[in-house]
PDB file of all heavy atoms in Angstrom:
ATOM      1  N   LEU A   1       0.908  -1.186   0.056  1.00  0.00           N
ATOM      2  CA  LEU A   1      -0.037   0.017  -0.026  1.00  0.00           C
ATOM      3  C   LEU A   1       0.873   1.245   0.053  1.00  0.00           C
ATOM      4  O   LEU A   1       1.825   1.394   0.825  1.00  0.00           O
ATOM      5  CB  LEU A   1      -0.913  -0.010   1.228  1.00  0.00           C
ATOM      6  CG  LEU A   1      -1.873  -1.173   1.318  1.00  0.00           C
ATOM      7  CD1 LEU A   1      -2.811  -1.027   2.572  1.00  0.00           C
ATOM      8  CD2 LEU A   1      -2.765  -1.346   0.026  1.00  0.00           C
ATOM      9  N   VAL A   2       0.535   2.206  -0.853  1.00  0.00           N
ATOM     10  CA  VAL A   2       1.264   3.329  -0.988  1.00  0.00           C
ATOM     11  C   VAL A   2       0.294   4.492  -0.884  1.00  0.00           C
ATOM     12  O   VAL A   2      -0.594   4.766  -1.616  1.00  0.00           O
ATOM     13  CB  VAL A   2       2.038   3.504  -2.321  1.00  0.00           C
ATOM     14  CG1 VAL A   2       3.009   4.753  -2.306  1.00  0.00           C
ATOM     15  CG2 VAL A   2       2.719   2.165  -2.611  1.00  0.00           C
ATOM     16  N   VAL A   3       0.662   5.444   0.181  1.00  0.00           N
ATOM     17  CA  VAL A   3      -0.195   6.726   0.341  1.00  0.00           C
ATOM     18  C   VAL A   3       0.574   7.850  -0.408  1.00  0.00           C
ATOM     19  O   VAL A   3       1.744   8.028  -0.133  1.00  0.00           O
ATOM     20  CB  VAL A   3      -0.401   7.023   1.895  1.00  0.00           C
ATOM     21  CG1 VAL A   3      -1.177   8.254   1.990  1.00  0.00           C
ATOM     22  CG2 VAL A   3      -1.014   5.820   2.464  1.00  0.00           C
ATOM     23  N   ARG A   4      -0.127   8.556  -1.268  1.00  0.00           N
ATOM     24  CA  ARG A   4       0.591   9.445  -2.193  1.00  0.00           C
ATOM     25  C   ARG A   4      -0.196  10.818  -2.186  1.00  0.00           C
ATOM     26  O   ARG A   4      -1.270  10.856  -1.788  1.00  0.00           O
ATOM     27  CB  ARG A   4       0.652   8.871  -3.605  1.00  0.00           C
ATOM     28  CG  ARG A   4       1.184   7.518  -3.719  1.00  0.00           C
ATOM     29  CD  ARG A   4       0.870   6.727  -4.976  1.00  0.00           C
ATOM     30  NE  ARG A   4       1.587   7.224  -6.085  1.00  0.00           N
ATOM     31  CZ  ARG A   4       1.485   6.752  -7.238  1.00  0.00           C
ATOM     32  NH1 ARG A   4       0.530   5.794  -7.547  1.00  0.00           N
ATOM     33  NH2 ARG A   4       2.245   7.191  -8.296  1.00  0.00           N
ATOM     34  N   ALA A   5       0.548  11.829  -2.682  1.00  0.00           N
ATOM     35  CA  ALA A   5      -0.029  13.096  -2.806  1.00  0.00           C
ATOM     36  C   ALA A   5       0.146  13.640  -4.296  1.00  0.00           C
ATOM     37  O   ALA A   5       1.281  13.402  -4.817  1.00  0.00           O
ATOM     38  CB  ALA A   5       0.643  14.103  -1.795  1.00  0.00           C
ATOM     39  N   PHE A   6      -0.830  14.285  -4.820  1.00  0.00           N
ATOM     40  CA  PHE A   6      -0.810  14.749  -6.224  1.00  0.00           C
ATOM     41  C   PHE A   6      -1.179  16.377  -6.118  1.00  0.00           C
ATOM     42  O   PHE A   6      -2.076  16.595  -5.405  1.00  0.00           O
ATOM     43  CB  PHE A   6      -1.665  14.011  -7.013  1.00  0.00           C
ATOM     44  CG  PHE A   6      -1.247  12.634  -7.282  1.00  0.00           C
ATOM     45  CD1 PHE A   6      -1.513  11.621  -6.397  1.00  0.00           C
ATOM     46  CD2 PHE A   6      -0.387  12.384  -8.558  1.00  0.00           C
ATOM     47  CE1 PHE A   6      -1.124  10.324  -6.760  1.00  0.00           C
ATOM     48  CE2 PHE A   6      -0.015  11.110  -8.754  1.00  0.00           C
ATOM     49  CZ  PHE A   6      -0.330  10.044  -7.885  1.00  0.00           C
ATOM     50  N   ASP A   7      -0.451  17.092  -6.945  1.00  0.00           N
ATOM     51  CA  ASP A   7      -0.737  18.509  -6.867  1.00  0.00           C
ATOM     52  C   ASP A   7      -1.950  18.785  -7.858  1.00  0.00           C
ATOM     53  O   ASP A   7      -2.483  17.739  -8.560  1.00  0.00           O
ATOM     54  CB  ASP A   7       0.501  19.271  -7.273  1.00  0.00           C
ATOM     55  CG  ASP A   7       0.910  19.226  -8.815  1.00  0.00           C
ATOM     56  OD1 ASP A   7       0.142  18.688  -9.605  1.00  0.00           O
ATOM     57  OD2 ASP A   7       2.072  19.515  -9.123  1.00  0.00           O
ATOM     58  N   PRO A   8      -2.338  20.023  -7.990  1.00  0.00           N
ATOM     59  CA  PRO A   8      -3.606  20.321  -8.862  1.00  0.00           C
ATOM     60  C   PRO A   8      -3.362  20.013 -10.318  1.00  0.00           C
ATOM     61  O   PRO A   8      -4.408  19.765 -10.909  1.00  0.00           O
ATOM     62  CB  PRO A   8      -3.797  21.826  -8.622  1.00  0.00           C
ATOM     63  CG  PRO A   8      -3.222  22.084  -7.229  1.00  0.00           C
ATOM     64  CD  PRO A   8      -2.121  21.216  -7.138  1.00  0.00           C
ATOM     65  N   ASP A   9      -2.173  19.882 -10.721  1.00  0.00           N
ATOM     66  CA  ASP A   9      -1.861  19.531 -12.104  1.00  0.00           C
ATOM     67  C   ASP A   9      -1.786  17.924 -12.300  1.00  0.00           C
ATOM     68  O   ASP A   9      -1.456  17.513 -13.467  1.00  0.00           O
ATOM     69  CB  ASP A   9      -0.612  20.235 -12.567  1.00  0.00           C
ATOM     70  CG  ASP A   9      -0.706  21.728 -12.645  1.00  0.00           C
ATOM     71  OD1 ASP A   9      -1.851  22.276 -12.912  1.00  0.00           O
ATOM     72  OD2 ASP A   9       0.214  22.320 -12.400  1.00  0.00           O
ATOM     73  N   GLY A  10      -1.972  17.250 -11.290  1.00  0.00           N
ATOM     74  CA  GLY A  10      -1.953  15.750 -11.435  1.00  0.00           C
ATOM     75  C   GLY A  10      -0.537  15.214 -11.204  1.00  0.00           C
ATOM     76  O   GLY A  10      -0.378  14.088 -11.549  1.00  0.00           O
ATOM     77  N   LYS A  11       0.492  16.147 -10.934  1.00  0.00           N
ATOM     78  CA  LYS A  11       1.812  15.579 -10.660  1.00  0.00           C
ATOM     79  C   LYS A  11       2.074  15.010  -9.262  1.00  0.00           C
ATOM     80  O   LYS A  11       1.729  15.725  -8.281  1.00  0.00           O
ATOM     81  CB  LYS A  11       2.833  16.677 -10.956  1.00  0.00           C
ATOM     82  CG  LYS A  11       4.316  16.187 -10.790  1.00  0.00           C
ATOM     83  CD  LYS A  11       5.263  17.405 -11.150  1.00  0.00           C
ATOM     84  CE  LYS A  11       6.776  17.046 -10.929  1.00  0.00           C
ATOM     85  NZ  LYS A  11       7.606  18.177 -11.308  1.00  0.00           N
ATOM     86  N   GLU A  12       2.654  13.923  -9.175  1.00  0.00           N
ATOM     87  CA  GLU A  12       2.968  13.311  -7.796  1.00  0.00           C
ATOM     88  C   GLU A  12       3.979  14.163  -7.073  1.00  0.00           C
ATOM     89  O   GLU A  12       4.999  14.566  -7.575  1.00  0.00           O
ATOM     90  CB  GLU A  12       3.388  11.850  -7.992  1.00  0.00           C
ATOM     91  CG  GLU A  12       3.514  11.328  -6.434  1.00  0.00           C
ATOM     92  CD  GLU A  12       3.705   9.821  -6.499  1.00  0.00           C
ATOM     93  OE1 GLU A  12       3.968   9.209  -7.566  1.00  0.00           O
ATOM     94  OE2 GLU A  12       3.684   9.244  -5.378  1.00  0.00           O
ATOM     95  N   VAL A  13       3.711  14.439  -5.754  1.00  0.00           N
ATOM     96  CA  VAL A  13       4.665  15.073  -4.898  1.00  0.00           C
ATOM     97  C   VAL A  13       5.454  14.028  -4.162  1.00  0.00           C
ATOM     98  O   VAL A  13       4.851  13.236  -3.424  1.00  0.00           O
ATOM     99  CB  VAL A  13       3.979  16.018  -3.975  1.00  0.00           C
ATOM    100  CG1 VAL A  13       4.926  16.795  -3.138  1.00  0.00           C
ATOM    101  CG2 VAL A  13       3.106  17.047  -4.783  1.00  0.00           C
ATOM    102  N   LEU A  14       6.662  14.052  -4.354  1.00  0.00           N
ATOM    103  CA  LEU A  14       7.674  13.066  -3.636  1.00  0.00           C
ATOM    104  C   LEU A  14       8.444  13.813  -2.565  1.00  0.00           C
ATOM    105  O   LEU A  14       8.686  15.065  -2.701  1.00  0.00           O
ATOM    106  CB  LEU A  14       8.554  12.310  -4.649  1.00  0.00           C
ATOM    107  CG  LEU A  14       7.855  11.398  -5.666  1.00  0.00           C
ATOM    108  CD1 LEU A  14       8.752  10.954  -6.706  1.00  0.00           C
ATOM    109  CD2 LEU A  14       7.131  10.280  -4.965  1.00  0.00           C
ATOM    110  N   PHE A  15       8.939  13.090  -1.646  1.00  0.00           N
ATOM    111  CA  PHE A  15       9.589  13.740  -0.522  1.00  0.00           C
ATOM    112  C   PHE A  15      10.993  13.168  -0.271  1.00  0.00           C
ATOM    113  O   PHE A  15      11.323  12.092  -0.607  1.00  0.00           O
ATOM    114  CB  PHE A  15       8.740  13.581   0.766  1.00  0.00           C
ATOM    115  CG  PHE A  15       7.450  14.120   0.602  1.00  0.00           C
ATOM    116  CD1 PHE A  15       6.395  13.363  -0.007  1.00  0.00           C
ATOM    117  CD2 PHE A  15       7.097  15.428   0.863  1.00  0.00           C
ATOM    118  CE1 PHE A  15       5.127  13.903  -0.092  1.00  0.00           C
ATOM    119  CE2 PHE A  15       5.822  16.017   0.706  1.00  0.00           C
ATOM    120  CZ  PHE A  15       4.826  15.191   0.168  1.00  0.00           C
ATOM    121  N   GLU A  16      11.890  13.917   0.506  1.00  0.00           N
ATOM    122  CA  GLU A  16      13.112  13.369   0.946  1.00  0.00           C
ATOM    123  C   GLU A  16      12.972  12.416   2.122  1.00  0.00           C
ATOM    124  O   GLU A  16      12.426  12.913   3.264  1.00  0.00           O
ATOM    125  CB  GLU A  16      14.108  14.500   1.390  1.00  0.00           C
ATOM    126  CG  GLU A  16      15.527  13.968   1.862  1.00  0.00           C
ATOM    127  CD  GLU A  16      16.413  13.706   0.632  1.00  0.00           C
ATOM    128  OE1 GLU A  16      16.214  14.186  -0.454  1.00  0.00           O
ATOM    129  OE2 GLU A  16      17.384  12.913   0.808  1.00  0.00           O
ATOM    130  N   GLY A  17      13.060  11.164   1.958  1.00  0.00           N
ATOM    131  CA  GLY A  17      12.699  10.177   3.050  1.00  0.00           C
ATOM    132  C   GLY A  17      13.991   9.681   3.780  1.00  0.00           C
ATOM    133  O   GLY A  17      15.100   9.946   3.378  1.00  0.00           O
ATOM    134  N   ALA A  18      13.765   9.002   4.939  1.00  0.00           N
ATOM    135  CA  ALA A  18      14.803   8.384   5.611  1.00  0.00           C
ATOM    136  C   ALA A  18      15.536   7.357   4.842  1.00  0.00           C
ATOM    137  O   ALA A  18      16.837   7.179   4.975  1.00  0.00           O
ATOM    138  CB  ALA A  18      14.395   7.846   6.901  1.00  0.00           C
ATOM    139  N   ASN A  19      14.853   6.605   3.972  1.00  0.00           N
ATOM    140  CA  ASN A  19      15.455   5.476   3.292  1.00  0.00           C
ATOM    141  C   ASN A  19      15.584   5.741   1.768  1.00  0.00           C
ATOM    142  O   ASN A  19      16.179   4.883   1.175  1.00  0.00           O
ATOM    143  CB  ASN A  19      14.614   4.317   3.526  1.00  0.00           C
ATOM    144  CG  ASN A  19      14.656   3.811   4.899  1.00  0.00           C
ATOM    145  OD1 ASN A  19      15.783   3.901   5.487  1.00  0.00           O
ATOM    146  ND2 ASN A  19      13.584   3.244   5.419  1.00  0.00           N
ATOM    147  N   ASP A  20      14.946   6.781   1.314  1.00  0.00           N
ATOM    148  CA  ASP A  20      14.917   7.094  -0.239  1.00  0.00           C
ATOM    149  C   ASP A  20      14.824   8.494  -0.441  1.00  0.00           C
ATOM    150  O   ASP A  20      14.023   9.225   0.229  1.00  0.00           O
ATOM    151  CB  ASP A  20      13.755   6.190  -0.808  1.00  0.00           C
ATOM    152  CG  ASP A  20      13.893   6.152  -2.292  1.00  0.00           C
ATOM    153  OD1 ASP A  20      13.911   7.220  -3.063  1.00  0.00           O
ATOM    154  OD2 ASP A  20      14.010   5.004  -2.802  1.00  0.00           O
ATOM    155  N   PRO A  21      15.631   9.129  -1.355  1.00  0.00           N
ATOM    156  CA  PRO A  21      15.522  10.622  -1.607  1.00  0.00           C
ATOM    157  C   PRO A  21      14.285  10.975  -2.320  1.00  0.00           C
ATOM    158  O   PRO A  21      14.071  12.177  -2.525  1.00  0.00           O
ATOM    159  CB  PRO A  21      16.788  10.800  -2.432  1.00  0.00           C
ATOM    160  CG  PRO A  21      17.033   9.505  -3.147  1.00  0.00           C
ATOM    161  CD  PRO A  21      16.665   8.463  -2.227  1.00  0.00           C
ATOM    162  N   LYS A  22      13.594  10.011  -2.965  1.00  0.00           N
ATOM    163  CA  LYS A  22      12.200  10.305  -3.517  1.00  0.00           C
ATOM    164  C   LYS A  22      11.157   9.398  -3.086  1.00  0.00           C
ATOM    165  O   LYS A  22      11.145   8.246  -3.594  1.00  0.00           O
ATOM    166  CB  LYS A  22      12.399  10.265  -5.088  1.00  0.00           C
ATOM    167  CG  LYS A  22      13.464  11.367  -5.646  1.00  0.00           C
ATOM    168  CD  LYS A  22      13.495  11.159  -7.224  1.00  0.00           C
ATOM    169  CE  LYS A  22      14.520  12.119  -7.812  1.00  0.00           C
ATOM    170  NZ  LYS A  22      14.633  11.859  -9.295  1.00  0.00           N
ATOM    171  N   THR A  23      10.423   9.730  -2.009  1.00  0.00           N
ATOM    172  CA  THR A  23       9.550   8.727  -1.560  1.00  0.00           C
ATOM    173  C   THR A  23       8.146   9.364  -1.403  1.00  0.00           C
ATOM    174  O   THR A  23       7.998  10.541  -1.262  1.00  0.00           O
ATOM    175  CB  THR A  23      10.109   8.363  -0.047  1.00  0.00           C
ATOM    176  OG1 THR A  23       9.310   7.316   0.468  1.00  0.00           O
ATOM    177  CG2 THR A  23      10.074   9.521   0.893  1.00  0.00           C
ATOM    178  N   PRO A  24       7.181   8.393  -1.462  1.00  0.00           N
ATOM    179  CA  PRO A  24       5.769   8.927  -1.126  1.00  0.00           C
ATOM    180  C   PRO A  24       5.530   9.262   0.187  1.00  0.00           C
ATOM    181  O   PRO A  24       6.346   9.090   1.090  1.00  0.00           O
ATOM    182  CB  PRO A  24       4.906   7.720  -1.781  1.00  0.00           C
ATOM    183  CG  PRO A  24       5.773   6.567  -1.520  1.00  0.00           C
ATOM    184  CD  PRO A  24       7.196   7.026  -1.757  1.00  0.00           C
ATOM    185  N   LEU A  25       4.247   9.530   0.505  1.00  0.00           N
ATOM    186  CA  LEU A  25       3.925  10.029   1.885  1.00  0.00           C
ATOM    187  C   LEU A  25       4.105   8.881   2.919  1.00  0.00           C
ATOM    188  O   LEU A  25       4.710   9.039   4.032  1.00  0.00           O
ATOM    189  CB  LEU A  25       2.398  10.383   1.971  1.00  0.00           C
ATOM    190  CG  LEU A  25       2.036  11.801   1.500  1.00  0.00           C
ATOM    191  CD1 LEU A  25       0.586  12.046   1.560  1.00  0.00           C
ATOM    192  CD2 LEU A  25       2.791  12.920   2.302  1.00  0.00           C
ATOM    193  N   SER A  26       3.686   7.671   2.530  1.00  0.00           N
ATOM    194  CA  SER A  26       3.875   6.523   3.450  1.00  0.00           C
ATOM    195  C   SER A  26       3.537   5.202   2.712  1.00  0.00           C
ATOM    196  O   SER A  26       2.984   5.186   1.579  1.00  0.00           O
ATOM    197  CB  SER A  26       2.971   6.706   4.547  1.00  0.00           C
ATOM    198  OG  SER A  26       3.372   5.607   5.619  1.00  0.00           O
ATOM    199  N   GLN A  27       4.122   4.085   3.276  1.00  0.00           N
ATOM    200  CA  GLN A  27       3.815   2.808   2.708  1.00  0.00           C
ATOM    201  C   GLN A  27       3.544   1.785   3.761  1.00  0.00           C
ATOM    202  O   GLN A  27       3.908   1.951   4.905  1.00  0.00           O
ATOM    203  CB  GLN A  27       5.004   2.380   1.928  1.00  0.00           C
ATOM    204  CG  GLN A  27       5.447   3.261   0.883  1.00  0.00           C
ATOM    205  CD  GLN A  27       6.678   2.887  -0.105  1.00  0.00           C
ATOM    206  OE1 GLN A  27       6.535   1.745  -0.699  1.00  0.00           O
ATOM    207  NE2 GLN A  27       7.683   3.617  -0.054  1.00  0.00           N
ATOM    208  N   GLY A  28       2.977   0.647   3.378  1.00  0.00           N
ATOM    209  CA  GLY A  28       2.645  -0.446   4.300  1.00  0.00           C
ATOM    210  C   GLY A  28       2.684  -1.739   3.520  1.00  0.00           C
ATOM    211  O   GLY A  28       2.426  -1.765   2.245  1.00  0.00           O
ATOM    212  N   TRP A  29       2.835  -2.871   4.222  1.00  0.00           N
ATOM    213  CA  TRP A  29       2.918  -4.078   3.514  1.00  0.00           C
ATOM    214  C   TRP A  29       2.319  -5.284   4.365  1.00  0.00           C
ATOM    215  O   TRP A  29       2.280  -5.069   5.546  1.00  0.00           O
ATOM    216  CB  TRP A  29       4.381  -4.661   3.273  1.00  0.00           C
ATOM    217  CG  TRP A  29       5.244  -3.594   2.679  1.00  0.00           C
ATOM    218  CD1 TRP A  29       5.678  -3.669   1.351  1.00  0.00           C
ATOM    219  CD2 TRP A  29       6.038  -2.494   3.305  1.00  0.00           C
ATOM    220  NE1 TRP A  29       6.535  -2.527   1.112  1.00  0.00           N
ATOM    221  CE2 TRP A  29       6.765  -1.894   2.263  1.00  0.00           C
ATOM    222  CE3 TRP A  29       6.023  -1.934   4.547  1.00  0.00           C
ATOM    223  CZ2 TRP A  29       7.512  -0.732   2.506  1.00  0.00           C
ATOM    224  CZ3 TRP A  29       6.897  -0.916   4.770  1.00  0.00           C
ATOM    225  CH2 TRP A  29       7.590  -0.315   3.742  1.00  0.00           C
ATOM    226  N   LEU A  30       1.749  -6.331   3.683  1.00  0.00           N
ATOM    227  CA  LEU A  30       1.270  -7.428   4.421  1.00  0.00           C
ATOM    228  C   LEU A  30       1.230  -8.642   3.391  1.00  0.00           C
ATOM    229  O   LEU A  30       0.743  -8.489   2.363  1.00  0.00           O
ATOM    230  CB  LEU A  30      -0.024  -7.294   4.968  1.00  0.00           C
ATOM    231  CG  LEU A  30      -0.669  -8.392   5.760  1.00  0.00           C
ATOM    232  CD1 LEU A  30       0.116  -8.580   7.027  1.00  0.00           C
ATOM    233  CD2 LEU A  30      -2.056  -8.159   6.155  1.00  0.00           C
ATOM    234  N   ARG A  31       1.683  -9.745   3.896  1.00  0.00           N
ATOM    235  CA  ARG A  31       1.529 -10.956   3.182  1.00  0.00           C
ATOM    236  C   ARG A  31       0.199 -11.583   3.684  1.00  0.00           C
ATOM    237  O   ARG A  31       0.013 -11.824   4.849  1.00  0.00           O
ATOM    238  CB  ARG A  31       2.690 -11.916   3.465  1.00  0.00           C
ATOM    239  CG  ARG A  31       2.514 -13.257   2.740  1.00  0.00           C
ATOM    240  CD  ARG A  31       3.871 -13.893   2.552  1.00  0.00           C
ATOM    241  NE  ARG A  31       4.686 -13.341   1.526  1.00  0.00           N
ATOM    242  CZ  ARG A  31       5.857 -13.776   1.110  1.00  0.00           C
ATOM    243  NH1 ARG A  31       6.533 -14.858   1.722  1.00  0.00           N
ATOM    244  NH2 ARG A  31       6.448 -13.148   0.146  1.00  0.00           N
TER     245      ARG A  31
END
């Protein structure tokens, strides 16, 4: 699961994360 943000033009906004320099808002996983 990936929680993401998009600007009014439909472009995704990525962030400087602890583990990746271009990361979405948040993520989660489950088997």
